[in-house]
Amino acid sequence: MAESTRVYGGMSAVERRDERRQRLIDAGLELFGTRGVAAVGIVDICAEAGLIKRYFYESFSSIDELAVAVFEQVTDRLVEQVVPAIIAGGGQDPRPALTAYLHGALADPRVARLLAVEGKTGALTKYGDGFATRAVELWFSFSPAVEGRDEVALRLRAYAFAGALSQVCLAWHDGVLDLTVDQVIDELVEVFHALAP
């Protein structure tokens, strides 16, 4: 029987490899989200995941590659929550999308740090910057209210809002803003409408 089809403990070799990879990603979120990517080594990740180094290298070639995988999984999950909320808001009411995003991003301090701090440094910089672009494109893709309007002006304002949102999340993470997540949402709704043409 081929190694990939052999079953142990009810799991195939492929399922076991995928489970180990997910354990490494979970360990990455925990450690990157509490210590920062630069302060974490492969030994730390393996200890947190309860795996030996061999299994780290089975899935990732470096800490940076793991950091990218963690960032992508976190942001993909946020997108899954935000897209239905964008549709619910119809492109005019930002509250559903902001609620989905900020509760997803700020409810877990590890996710907040990953997005607000780690996504702006080192190997994750281009991915953090790319996430803002992704957010703007999602808004335009799922917002029927933007059709027939000055798209260039709307895009400029969307990028301005995405930048403001990023800075607000960073300030909230750093404890500069003494507000609840719901208060942050209320304020950002006002900012959105001030930017809307």
C-alpha atoms as a PDB file:
ATOM      1  CA  MET A   1       0.000   0.000   0.000  1.00  0.00           C
ATOM      2  CA  ALA A   2       1.411   3.456  -0.905  1.00  0.00           C
ATOM      3  CA  GLU A   3       2.544   5.699   1.948  1.00  0.00           C
ATOM      4  CA  SER A   4       0.043   8.404   0.962  1.00  0.00           C
ATOM      5  CA  THR A   5      -2.885   6.015   1.296  1.00  0.00           C
ATOM      6  CA  ARG A   6      -1.804   4.202   4.473  1.00  0.00           C
ATOM      7  CA  VAL A   7      -4.148   4.978   7.349  1.00  0.00           C
ATOM      8  CA  TYR A   8      -3.034   5.404  10.973  1.00  0.00           C
ATOM      9  CA  GLY A   9      -5.411   6.445  13.722  1.00  0.00           C
ATOM     10  CA  GLY A  10      -8.161   6.947  11.159  1.00  0.00           C
ATOM     11  CA  MET A  11      -6.093   9.465   9.128  1.00  0.00           C
ATOM     12  CA  SER A  12      -4.264   9.060   5.826  1.00  0.00           C
ATOM     13  CA  ALA A  13      -0.671  10.278   5.430  1.00  0.00           C
ATOM     14  CA  VAL A  14      -1.935  13.353   3.583  1.00  0.00           C
ATOM     15  CA  GLU A  15      -4.440  14.124   6.351  1.00  0.00           C
ATOM     16  CA  ARG A  16      -1.726  13.729   8.997  1.00  0.00           C
ATOM     17  CA  ARG A  17       0.596  16.059   7.072  1.00  0.00           C
ATOM     18  CA  ASP A  18      -2.210  18.627   6.704  1.00  0.00           C
ATOM     19  CA  GLU A  19      -2.986  18.327  10.430  1.00  0.00           C
ATOM     20  CA  ARG A  20       0.692  18.925  11.305  1.00  0.00           C
ATOM     21  CA  ARG A  21       0.802  21.928   8.969  1.00  0.00           C
ATOM     22  CA  GLN A  22      -2.269  23.391  10.672  1.00  0.00           C
ATOM     23  CA  ARG A  23      -0.693  22.848  14.098  1.00  0.00           C
ATOM     24  CA  LEU A  24       2.341  24.827  12.908  1.00  0.00           C
ATOM     25  CA  ILE A  25       0.094  27.621  11.614  1.00  0.00           C
ATOM     26  CA  ASP A  26      -1.794  27.687  14.924  1.00  0.00           C
ATOM     27  CA  ALA A  27       1.528  27.839  16.777  1.00  0.00           C
ATOM     28  CA  GLY A  28       2.619  30.650  14.471  1.00  0.00           C
ATOM     29  CA  LEU A  29      -0.492  32.677  15.217  1.00  0.00           C
ATOM     30  CA  GLU A  30       0.042  32.209  18.933  1.00  0.00           C
ATOM     31  CA  LEU A  31       3.727  33.157  18.942  1.00  0.00           C
ATOM     32  CA  PHE A  32       3.757  35.787  16.188  1.00  0.00           C
ATOM     33  CA  GLY A  33       0.639  37.317  17.714  1.00  0.00           C
ATOM     34  CA  THR A  34       2.171  37.532  21.189  1.00  0.00           C
ATOM     35  CA  ARG A  35       5.936  37.919  20.627  1.00  0.00           C
ATOM     36  CA  GLY A  36       6.273  39.075  17.030  1.00  0.00           C
ATOM     37  CA  VAL A  37       7.757  37.286  14.024  1.00  0.00           C
ATOM     38  CA  ALA A  38      11.307  38.553  14.619  1.00  0.00           C
ATOM     39  CA  ALA A  39      11.362  37.139  18.164  1.00  0.00           C
ATOM     40  CA  VAL A  40      10.322  33.602  17.202  1.00  0.00           C
ATOM     41  CA  GLY A  41      12.496  30.747  15.961  1.00  0.00           C
ATOM     42  CA  ILE A  42      11.758  27.357  14.489  1.00  0.00           C
ATOM     43  CA  VAL A  43      12.493  25.677  17.827  1.00  0.00           C
ATOM     44  CA  ASP A  44       9.852  27.894  19.482  1.00  0.00           C
ATOM     45  CA  ILE A  45       7.270  27.026  16.833  1.00  0.00           C
ATOM     46  CA  CYS A  46       7.967  23.298  17.121  1.00  0.00           C
ATOM     47  CA  ALA A  47       7.718  23.406  20.915  1.00  0.00           C
ATOM     48  CA  GLU A  48       4.396  25.275  20.742  1.00  0.00           C
ATOM     49  CA  ALA A  49       3.043  22.859  18.115  1.00  0.00           C
ATOM     50  CA  GLY A  50       4.377  19.767  19.891  1.00  0.00           C
ATOM     51  CA  LEU A  51       6.265  18.674  16.767  1.00  0.00           C
ATOM     52  CA  ILE A  52       9.873  17.964  15.855  1.00  0.00           C
ATOM     53  CA  LYS A  53      11.849  20.115  13.379  1.00  0.00           C
ATOM     54  CA  ARG A  54      11.511  17.522  10.655  1.00  0.00           C
ATOM     55  CA  TYR A  55       7.793  18.254  10.533  1.00  0.00           C
ATOM     56  CA  PHE A  56       8.385  21.989  10.332  1.00  0.00           C
ATOM     57  CA  TYR A  57      10.499  21.520   7.217  1.00  0.00           C
ATOM     58  CA  GLU A  58       7.918  19.146   5.799  1.00  0.00           C
ATOM     59  CA  SER A  59       5.620  22.171   5.323  1.00  0.00           C
ATOM     60  CA  PHE A  60       7.771  25.325   5.481  1.00  0.00           C
ATOM     61  CA  SER A  61      11.285  26.310   4.484  1.00  0.00           C
ATOM     62  CA  SER A  62      11.601  29.212   6.941  1.00  0.00           C
ATOM     63  CA  ILE A  63       9.920  31.245   9.673  1.00  0.00           C
ATOM     64  CA  ASP A  64       9.057  33.882   7.070  1.00  0.00           C
ATOM     65  CA  GLU A  65       7.237  31.310   4.938  1.00  0.00           C
ATOM     66  CA  LEU A  66       5.246  30.209   7.986  1.00  0.00           C
ATOM     67  CA  ALA A  67       4.475  33.854   8.815  1.00  0.00           C
ATOM     68  CA  VAL A  68       3.054  34.358   5.328  1.00  0.00           C
ATOM     69  CA  ALA A  69       0.900  31.222   5.697  1.00  0.00           C
ATOM     70  CA  VAL A  70      -0.414  32.458   9.056  1.00  0.00           C
ATOM     71  CA  PHE A  71      -1.160  35.913   7.645  1.00  0.00           C
ATOM     72  CA  GLU A  72      -2.922  34.468   4.611  1.00  0.00           C
ATOM     73  CA  GLN A  73      -5.089  32.145   6.701  1.00  0.00           C
ATOM     74  CA  VAL A  74      -6.069  34.951   9.095  1.00  0.00           C
ATOM     75  CA  THR A  75      -6.926  37.365   6.288  1.00  0.00           C
ATOM     76  CA  ASP A  76      -8.776  34.719   4.266  1.00  0.00           C
ATOM     77  CA  ARG A  77     -10.972  34.016   7.284  1.00  0.00           C
ATOM     78  CA  LEU A  78     -11.636  37.737   7.719  1.00  0.00           C
ATOM     79  CA  VAL A  79     -12.613  38.027   4.060  1.00  0.00           C
ATOM     80  CA  GLU A  80     -15.070  35.141   4.475  1.00  0.00           C
ATOM     81  CA  GLN A  81     -16.771  37.136   7.247  1.00  0.00           C
ATOM     82  CA  VAL A  82     -16.592  40.537   5.567  1.00  0.00           C
ATOM     83  CA  VAL A  83     -17.874  39.769   2.048  1.00  0.00           C
ATOM     84  CA  PRO A  84     -21.437  38.882   3.166  1.00  0.00           C
ATOM     85  CA  ALA A  85     -21.386  42.003   5.348  1.00  0.00           C
ATOM     86  CA  ILE A  86     -20.359  44.205   2.397  1.00  0.00           C
ATOM     87  CA  ILE A  87     -23.261  42.751   0.414  1.00  0.00           C
ATOM     88  CA  ALA A  88     -25.621  43.359   3.347  1.00  0.00           C
ATOM     89  CA  GLY A  89     -24.552  47.013   3.450  1.00  0.00           C
ATOM     90  CA  GLY A  90     -25.136  47.413  -0.279  1.00  0.00           C
ATOM     91  CA  GLY A  91     -22.100  49.665  -0.690  1.00  0.00           C
ATOM     92  CA  GLN A  92     -23.725  52.526   1.192  1.00  0.00           C
ATOM     93  CA  ASP A  93     -23.867  51.328   4.779  1.00  0.00           C
ATOM     94  CA  PRO A  94     -20.355  50.461   5.996  1.00  0.00           C
ATOM     95  CA  ARG A  95     -21.500  49.329   9.453  1.00  0.00           C
ATOM     96  CA  PRO A  96     -22.020  45.621   8.639  1.00  0.00           C
ATOM     97  CA  ALA A  97     -18.587  45.323   6.975  1.00  0.00           C
ATOM     98  CA  LEU A  98     -16.815  47.326   9.681  1.00  0.00           C
ATOM     99  CA  THR A  99     -18.508  45.269  12.382  1.00  0.00           C
ATOM    100  CA  ALA A 100     -17.475  41.981  10.772  1.00  0.00           C
ATOM    101  CA  TYR A 101     -13.921  43.166  10.151  1.00  0.00           C
ATOM    102  CA  LEU A 102     -13.217  44.870  13.468  1.00  0.00           C
ATOM    103  CA  HIS A 103     -14.787  42.174  15.618  1.00  0.00           C
ATOM    104  CA  GLY A 104     -12.752  39.619  13.663  1.00  0.00           C
ATOM    105  CA  ALA A 105      -9.546  41.660  13.747  1.00  0.00           C
ATOM    106  CA  LEU A 106      -9.655  43.127  17.249  1.00  0.00           C
ATOM    107  CA  ALA A 107     -11.493  40.484  19.278  1.00  0.00           C
ATOM    108  CA  ASP A 108      -8.356  38.313  19.299  1.00  0.00           C
ATOM    109  CA  PRO A 109      -5.274  40.315  20.410  1.00  0.00           C
ATOM    110  CA  ARG A 110      -3.046  37.946  18.406  1.00  0.00           C
ATOM    111  CA  VAL A 111      -4.916  38.745  15.181  1.00  0.00           C
ATOM    112  CA  ALA A 112      -4.871  42.455  16.026  1.00  0.00           C
ATOM    113  CA  ARG A 113      -1.094  42.372  16.451  1.00  0.00           C
ATOM    114  CA  LEU A 114      -0.570  40.304  13.307  1.00  0.00           C
ATOM    115  CA  LEU A 115      -2.537  42.784  11.190  1.00  0.00           C
ATOM    116  CA  ALA A 116      -1.648  46.076  12.876  1.00  0.00           C
ATOM    117  CA  VAL A 117       2.014  45.478  13.740  1.00  0.00           C
ATOM    118  CA  GLU A 118       3.509  42.409  12.085  1.00  0.00           C
ATOM    119  CA  GLY A 119       1.823  43.120   8.742  1.00  0.00           C
ATOM    120  CA  LYS A 120       3.852  46.327   8.506  1.00  0.00           C
ATOM    121  CA  THR A 121       7.326  44.878   9.057  1.00  0.00           C
ATOM    122  CA  GLY A 122       9.721  42.327   7.639  1.00  0.00           C
ATOM    123  CA  ALA A 123       8.509  39.537   5.387  1.00  0.00           C
ATOM    124  CA  LEU A 124       4.855  40.456   5.918  1.00  0.00           C
ATOM    125  CA  THR A 125       5.087  44.074   4.721  1.00  0.00           C
ATOM    126  CA  LYS A 126       4.040  43.360   1.135  1.00  0.00           C
ATOM    127  CA  TYR A 127       1.227  41.107   2.357  1.00  0.00           C
ATOM    128  CA  GLY A 128      -0.027  43.730   4.809  1.00  0.00           C
ATOM    129  CA  ASP A 129       0.021  46.368   2.076  1.00  0.00           C
ATOM    130  CA  GLY A 130      -1.651  43.941  -0.300  1.00  0.00           C
ATOM    131  CA  PHE A 131      -4.450  43.304   2.176  1.00  0.00           C
ATOM    132  CA  ALA A 132      -5.502  46.976   1.980  1.00  0.00           C
ATOM    133  CA  THR A 133      -5.694  46.676  -1.811  1.00  0.00           C
ATOM    134  CA  ARG A 134      -7.654  43.445  -1.448  1.00  0.00           C
ATOM    135  CA  ALA A 135     -10.115  45.189   0.888  1.00  0.00           C
ATOM    136  CA  VAL A 136     -10.690  48.011  -1.600  1.00  0.00           C
ATOM    137  CA  GLU A 137     -11.205  45.570  -4.469  1.00  0.00           C
ATOM    138  CA  LEU A 138     -13.672  43.545  -2.391  1.00  0.00           C
ATOM    139  CA  TRP A 139     -15.651  46.690  -1.632  1.00  0.00           C
ATOM    140  CA  PHE A 140     -15.891  47.541  -5.321  1.00  0.00           C
ATOM    141  CA  SER A 141     -16.668  43.956  -6.344  1.00  0.00           C
ATOM    142  CA  PHE A 142     -19.571  43.534  -3.928  1.00  0.00           C
ATOM    143  CA  SER A 143     -20.988  47.071  -3.728  1.00  0.00           C
ATOM    144  CA  PRO A 144     -23.683  47.743  -6.344  1.00  0.00           C
ATOM    145  CA  ALA A 145     -24.014  51.324  -5.115  1.00  0.00           C
ATOM    146  CA  VAL A 146     -20.699  52.327  -6.732  1.00  0.00           C
ATOM    147  CA  GLU A 147     -21.940  51.677 -10.292  1.00  0.00           C
ATOM    148  CA  GLY A 148     -22.377  54.819 -12.370  1.00  0.00           C
ATOM    149  CA  ARG A 149     -20.399  57.000  -9.965  1.00  0.00           C
ATOM    150  CA  ASP A 150     -16.955  58.600 -10.316  1.00  0.00           C
ATOM    151  CA  GLU A 151     -14.897  55.456  -9.793  1.00  0.00           C
ATOM    152  CA  VAL A 152     -11.524  57.248  -9.619  1.00  0.00           C
ATOM    153  CA  ALA A 153     -12.693  59.518  -6.801  1.00  0.00           C
ATOM    154  CA  LEU A 154     -14.338  56.592  -5.031  1.00  0.00           C
ATOM    155  CA  ARG A 155     -11.157  54.511  -5.235  1.00  0.00           C
ATOM    156  CA  LEU A 156      -9.063  57.350  -3.852  1.00  0.00           C
ATOM    157  CA  ARG A 157     -11.451  57.696  -0.922  1.00  0.00           C
ATOM    158  CA  ALA A 158     -11.554  53.922  -0.441  1.00  0.00           C
ATOM    159  CA  TYR A 159      -7.756  53.784  -0.168  1.00  0.00           C
ATOM    160  CA  ALA A 160      -7.810  56.766   2.200  1.00  0.00           C
ATOM    161  CA  PHE A 161     -10.352  54.959   4.350  1.00  0.00           C
ATOM    162  CA  ALA A 162      -8.355  51.691   4.262  1.00  0.00           C
ATOM    163  CA  GLY A 163      -5.273  53.607   5.420  1.00  0.00           C
ATOM    164  CA  ALA A 164      -7.219  55.283   8.193  1.00  0.00           C
ATOM    165  CA  LEU A 165      -8.675  51.937   9.270  1.00  0.00           C
ATOM    166  CA  SER A 166      -5.197  50.430   9.444  1.00  0.00           C
ATOM    167  CA  GLN A 167      -3.885  53.286  11.589  1.00  0.00           C
ATOM    168  CA  VAL A 168      -6.924  53.135  13.870  1.00  0.00           C
ATOM    169  CA  CYS A 169      -6.365  49.403  14.412  1.00  0.00           C
ATOM    170  CA  LEU A 170      -2.694  50.051  15.211  1.00  0.00           C
ATOM    171  CA  ALA A 171      -3.576  52.817  17.682  1.00  0.00           C
ATOM    172  CA  TRP A 172      -6.239  50.634  19.305  1.00  0.00           C
ATOM    173  CA  HIS A 173      -3.794  47.718  19.567  1.00  0.00           C
ATOM    174  CA  ASP A 174      -1.190  50.008  21.166  1.00  0.00           C
ATOM    175  CA  GLY A 175      -3.715  51.209  23.750  1.00  0.00           C
ATOM    176  CA  VAL A 176      -3.767  54.777  22.448  1.00  0.00           C
ATOM    177  CA  LEU A 177      -7.523  54.703  21.876  1.00  0.00           C
ATOM    178  CA  ASP A 178      -9.518  54.133  25.045  1.00  0.00           C
ATOM    179  CA  LEU A 179     -12.594  52.923  23.164  1.00  0.00           C
ATOM    180  CA  THR A 180     -14.529  49.691  22.899  1.00  0.00           C
ATOM    181  CA  VAL A 181     -14.612  47.962  19.519  1.00  0.00           C
ATOM    182  CA  ASP A 182     -18.220  49.121  19.078  1.00  0.00           C
ATOM    183  CA  GLN A 183     -17.218  52.725  19.790  1.00  0.00           C
ATOM    184  CA  VAL A 184     -14.450  52.417  17.197  1.00  0.00           C
ATOM    185  CA  ILE A 185     -17.023  51.151  14.702  1.00  0.00           C
ATOM    186  CA  ASP A 186     -19.351  54.101  15.445  1.00  0.00           C
ATOM    187  CA  GLU A 187     -16.529  56.585  14.853  1.00  0.00           C
ATOM    188  CA  LEU A 188     -15.380  54.886  11.652  1.00  0.00           C
ATOM    189  CA  VAL A 189     -18.917  54.905  10.255  1.00  0.00           C
ATOM    190  CA  GLU A 190     -18.846  58.693  10.678  1.00  0.00           C
ATOM    191  CA  VAL A 191     -15.464  58.867   8.939  1.00  0.00           C
ATOM    192  CA  PHE A 192     -16.773  56.747   6.054  1.00  0.00           C
ATOM    193  CA  HIS A 193     -19.768  59.025   5.498  1.00  0.00           C
ATOM    194  CA  ALA A 194     -17.540  62.107   5.689  1.00  0.00           C
ATOM    195  CA  LEU A 195     -15.405  60.643   2.889  1.00  0.00           C
ATOM    196  CA  ALA A 196     -18.356  59.487   0.773  1.00  0.00           C
ATOM    197  CA  PRO A 197     -19.100  61.829  -2.152  1.00  0.00           C
END
